[in-house]
Structures are given as C-alpha cells and as structure tokens.
N, C-alpha and C. Protein backbone atom coordinates (compact mmCIF):
# COMPACT_ATOMS: atom_id res chain seq x y z
N MET A 1 34.28 126.97 26.41
CA MET A 1 33.36 126.84 27.53
C MET A 1 32.65 128.16 27.73
N ASP A 2 31.35 128.12 27.96
CA ASP A 2 30.56 129.31 28.23
C ASP A 2 30.77 129.77 29.66
N ASN A 3 30.70 131.09 29.84
CA ASN A 3 30.77 131.69 31.17
C ASN A 3 32.08 131.41 31.92
N CYS A 4 33.17 131.37 31.21
CA CYS A 4 34.48 131.20 31.85
C CYS A 4 35.22 132.53 31.74
N LEU A 5 35.40 133.21 32.86
CA LEU A 5 36.07 134.50 32.87
C LEU A 5 37.48 134.39 32.31
N PHE A 6 38.20 133.34 32.65
CA PHE A 6 39.57 133.20 32.17
C PHE A 6 39.61 133.01 30.66
N CYS A 7 38.66 132.27 30.08
CA CYS A 7 38.58 132.14 28.63
C CYS A 7 38.28 133.49 27.99
N ASP A 8 37.39 134.27 28.62
CA ASP A 8 37.08 135.61 28.10
C ASP A 8 38.32 136.51 28.14
N ILE A 9 39.11 136.41 29.18
CA ILE A 9 40.35 137.18 29.26
C ILE A 9 41.31 136.73 28.16
N ALA A 10 41.46 135.42 27.99
CA ALA A 10 42.36 134.88 26.96
C ALA A 10 41.93 135.29 25.56
N LYS A 11 40.62 135.40 25.33
CA LYS A 11 40.10 135.80 24.01
C LYS A 11 40.08 137.31 23.82
N GLY A 12 40.33 138.06 24.89
CA GLY A 12 40.29 139.51 24.79
C GLY A 12 38.91 140.10 24.98
N VAL A 13 37.95 139.28 25.38
CA VAL A 13 36.57 139.74 25.61
C VAL A 13 36.48 140.48 26.94
N ALA A 14 37.16 139.99 27.96
CA ALA A 14 37.22 140.64 29.26
C ALA A 14 38.58 141.31 29.39
N THR A 15 38.63 142.40 30.10
CA THR A 15 39.88 143.14 30.22
C THR A 15 40.71 142.65 31.41
N ALA A 16 42.00 142.82 31.26
CA ALA A 16 42.93 142.48 32.32
C ALA A 16 44.20 143.28 32.09
N PHE A 17 44.97 143.50 33.16
CA PHE A 17 46.26 144.18 33.04
C PHE A 17 47.31 143.10 32.86
N PHE A 18 47.75 142.91 31.61
CA PHE A 18 48.66 141.83 31.27
C PHE A 18 50.09 142.13 31.70
N ILE A 19 50.71 141.11 32.26
CA ILE A 19 52.11 141.17 32.67
C ILE A 19 52.99 140.50 31.61
N ALA A 20 52.52 139.34 31.12
CA ALA A 20 53.30 138.58 30.15
C ALA A 20 52.37 137.65 29.38
N GLU A 21 52.87 137.21 28.22
CA GLU A 21 52.09 136.31 27.38
C GLU A 21 53.05 135.53 26.51
N ASP A 22 52.73 134.27 26.27
CA ASP A 22 53.41 133.50 25.24
C ASP A 22 52.33 132.80 24.42
N ASN A 23 52.70 131.87 23.60
CA ASN A 23 51.71 131.21 22.73
C ASN A 23 50.64 130.45 23.50
N ASN A 24 50.95 129.98 24.70
CA ASN A 24 50.03 129.10 25.42
C ASN A 24 49.56 129.62 26.78
N HIS A 25 50.13 130.73 27.26
CA HIS A 25 49.84 131.19 28.62
C HIS A 25 49.67 132.70 28.68
N LEU A 26 48.97 133.13 29.72
CA LEU A 26 48.82 134.55 30.02
C LEU A 26 49.14 134.77 31.49
N ALA A 27 49.71 135.92 31.79
CA ALA A 27 49.92 136.33 33.17
C ALA A 27 49.36 137.74 33.29
N PHE A 28 48.53 137.96 34.32
CA PHE A 28 47.90 139.26 34.50
C PHE A 28 47.67 139.51 35.98
N LEU A 29 47.49 140.78 36.33
CA LEU A 29 47.31 141.14 37.73
C LEU A 29 45.92 140.72 38.21
N ASP A 30 45.87 140.24 39.44
CA ASP A 30 44.62 139.87 40.09
C ASP A 30 43.82 141.14 40.41
N ILE A 31 42.50 141.10 40.20
CA ILE A 31 41.68 142.30 40.48
C ILE A 31 41.44 142.49 41.98
N HIS A 32 41.67 141.45 42.77
CA HIS A 32 41.57 141.54 44.23
C HIS A 32 42.87 141.00 44.83
N PRO A 33 43.96 141.76 44.66
CA PRO A 33 45.27 141.23 45.08
C PRO A 33 45.40 141.04 46.58
N LEU A 34 46.09 139.98 46.94
CA LEU A 34 46.43 139.72 48.33
C LEU A 34 47.72 140.41 48.72
N ALA A 35 48.50 140.79 47.71
CA ALA A 35 49.76 141.51 47.92
C ALA A 35 50.06 142.29 46.64
N GLU A 36 50.91 143.30 46.75
CA GLU A 36 51.29 144.08 45.57
C GLU A 36 51.91 143.15 44.52
N GLY A 37 51.44 143.28 43.30
CA GLY A 37 51.97 142.47 42.21
C GLY A 37 51.35 141.09 42.09
N HIS A 38 50.31 140.79 42.88
CA HIS A 38 49.64 139.48 42.84
C HIS A 38 49.24 139.18 41.40
N THR A 39 49.86 138.17 40.83
CA THR A 39 49.69 137.84 39.41
C THR A 39 49.09 136.45 39.24
N LEU A 40 48.16 136.35 38.30
CA LEU A 40 47.56 135.06 37.95
C LEU A 40 48.18 134.58 36.65
N VAL A 41 48.44 133.30 36.57
CA VAL A 41 48.97 132.68 35.36
C VAL A 41 47.98 131.61 34.93
N ILE A 42 47.55 131.69 33.67
CA ILE A 42 46.55 130.74 33.16
C ILE A 42 46.98 130.19 31.80
N PRO A 43 46.47 129.01 31.46
CA PRO A 43 46.66 128.52 30.09
C PRO A 43 45.64 129.22 29.19
N LYS A 44 45.98 129.40 27.93
CA LYS A 44 45.03 129.99 26.99
C LYS A 44 43.93 128.99 26.62
N LYS A 45 44.24 127.73 26.72
CA LYS A 45 43.27 126.68 26.44
C LYS A 45 42.46 126.40 27.71
N HIS A 46 41.15 126.23 27.57
CA HIS A 46 40.29 126.02 28.73
C HIS A 46 40.47 124.62 29.34
N TYR A 47 40.57 124.59 30.65
CA TYR A 47 40.50 123.37 31.44
C TYR A 47 39.63 123.68 32.65
N PRO A 48 38.75 122.76 33.04
CA PRO A 48 37.90 123.02 34.22
C PRO A 48 38.72 123.28 35.48
N THR A 49 39.81 122.54 35.67
CA THR A 49 40.70 122.73 36.82
C THR A 49 42.12 122.42 36.39
N ILE A 50 43.08 122.78 37.21
CA ILE A 50 44.48 122.46 36.90
C ILE A 50 44.69 120.95 36.84
N TRP A 51 43.88 120.21 37.56
CA TRP A 51 44.01 118.74 37.58
C TRP A 51 43.57 118.12 36.27
N ASP A 52 42.84 118.86 35.45
CA ASP A 52 42.40 118.38 34.15
C ASP A 52 43.43 118.64 33.05
N MET A 53 44.46 119.40 33.36
CA MET A 53 45.51 119.69 32.39
C MET A 53 46.46 118.50 32.26
N PRO A 54 46.90 118.22 31.04
CA PRO A 54 47.95 117.20 30.89
C PRO A 54 49.21 117.65 31.64
N ALA A 55 49.93 116.71 32.17
CA ALA A 55 51.11 117.01 32.99
C ALA A 55 52.11 117.89 32.24
N ARG A 56 52.33 117.66 30.98
CA ARG A 56 53.29 118.47 30.21
C ARG A 56 52.85 119.93 30.14
N GLU A 57 51.55 120.15 30.00
CA GLU A 57 51.05 121.52 29.94
C GLU A 57 51.14 122.20 31.30
N THR A 58 50.91 121.46 32.36
CA THR A 58 51.06 122.01 33.70
C THR A 58 52.52 122.39 33.95
N GLU A 59 53.43 121.52 33.53
CA GLU A 59 54.86 121.81 33.68
C GLU A 59 55.26 123.04 32.87
N ALA A 60 54.76 123.16 31.65
CA ALA A 60 55.08 124.32 30.81
C ALA A 60 54.54 125.60 31.44
N MET A 61 53.34 125.56 32.00
CA MET A 61 52.75 126.73 32.64
C MET A 61 53.56 127.11 33.89
N THR A 62 54.02 126.12 34.62
CA THR A 62 54.84 126.38 35.80
C THR A 62 56.16 127.03 35.40
N GLU A 63 56.77 126.57 34.34
CA GLU A 63 58.02 127.17 33.87
C GLU A 63 57.78 128.61 33.42
N PHE A 64 56.66 128.88 32.77
CA PHE A 64 56.30 130.24 32.37
C PHE A 64 56.16 131.12 33.61
N ALA A 65 55.47 130.62 34.62
CA ALA A 65 55.29 131.37 35.87
C ALA A 65 56.63 131.62 36.55
N ARG A 66 57.48 130.63 36.57
CA ARG A 66 58.81 130.79 37.19
C ARG A 66 59.62 131.86 36.47
N TYR A 67 59.53 131.86 35.14
CA TYR A 67 60.28 132.83 34.36
C TYR A 67 59.80 134.26 34.64
N ILE A 68 58.50 134.48 34.64
CA ILE A 68 58.02 135.85 34.86
C ILE A 68 58.24 136.30 36.31
N ALA A 69 58.36 135.35 37.22
CA ALA A 69 58.63 135.69 38.62
C ALA A 69 60.13 135.90 38.89
N SER A 70 60.95 135.53 37.93
CA SER A 70 62.39 135.61 38.15
C SER A 70 62.95 136.99 37.83
N ASP A 71 64.20 137.18 38.18
CA ASP A 71 64.85 138.44 37.86
C ASP A 71 65.32 138.49 36.40
N ARG A 72 65.09 137.41 35.64
CA ARG A 72 65.44 137.39 34.23
C ARG A 72 64.37 138.03 33.36
N TYR A 73 63.15 138.15 33.91
CA TYR A 73 62.05 138.70 33.12
C TYR A 73 62.17 140.22 33.09
N PRO A 74 62.18 140.82 31.88
CA PRO A 74 62.32 142.27 31.79
C PRO A 74 61.08 143.00 32.30
N VAL A 75 61.29 143.96 33.17
CA VAL A 75 60.18 144.76 33.71
C VAL A 75 60.25 146.14 33.07
N ASN A 76 59.11 146.60 32.58
CA ASN A 76 59.08 147.95 31.94
C ASN A 76 59.03 149.03 32.97
C-alpha cells in the first residue's frame, strides 16, 4: 500500500526505535507517547485496519504483544 507509515517502518524505509520483532510483527516506541514506554505493535503485512486482519493473525499479534509486555521478555 502506498503512503502507509507502518508499512514503511516494517520495510525499514521509515525509522523507529524497535523493541522487538519476529517473523510477522514489529514492536516499537510511539513517537508521541502517552506514557513512558508507550509501544506500538503492528503486523508486518499491511491491513487497512485491525478488523481486516484474519482472526488467527490478530490472535498471533496479541500473543506477541502479551509476550513483550510480560516479565518473560528480556530487556537490555
């Protein structure tokens, strides 16, 4: 999709401070955080909205977000 900031971040065209990554998802800090550590989690594949994602992919993204938010995720 043209003009999608999140696609540009996923492709490495736009910069972001990455927190975590797997084969299908990215987590990075929000540029206008509402709180310290405000992190965005996105799929690497473009979808117009979260409602356009297949349920399995939404569930996988949620599990990725839960993992990086947990105390099991290693922090540097």
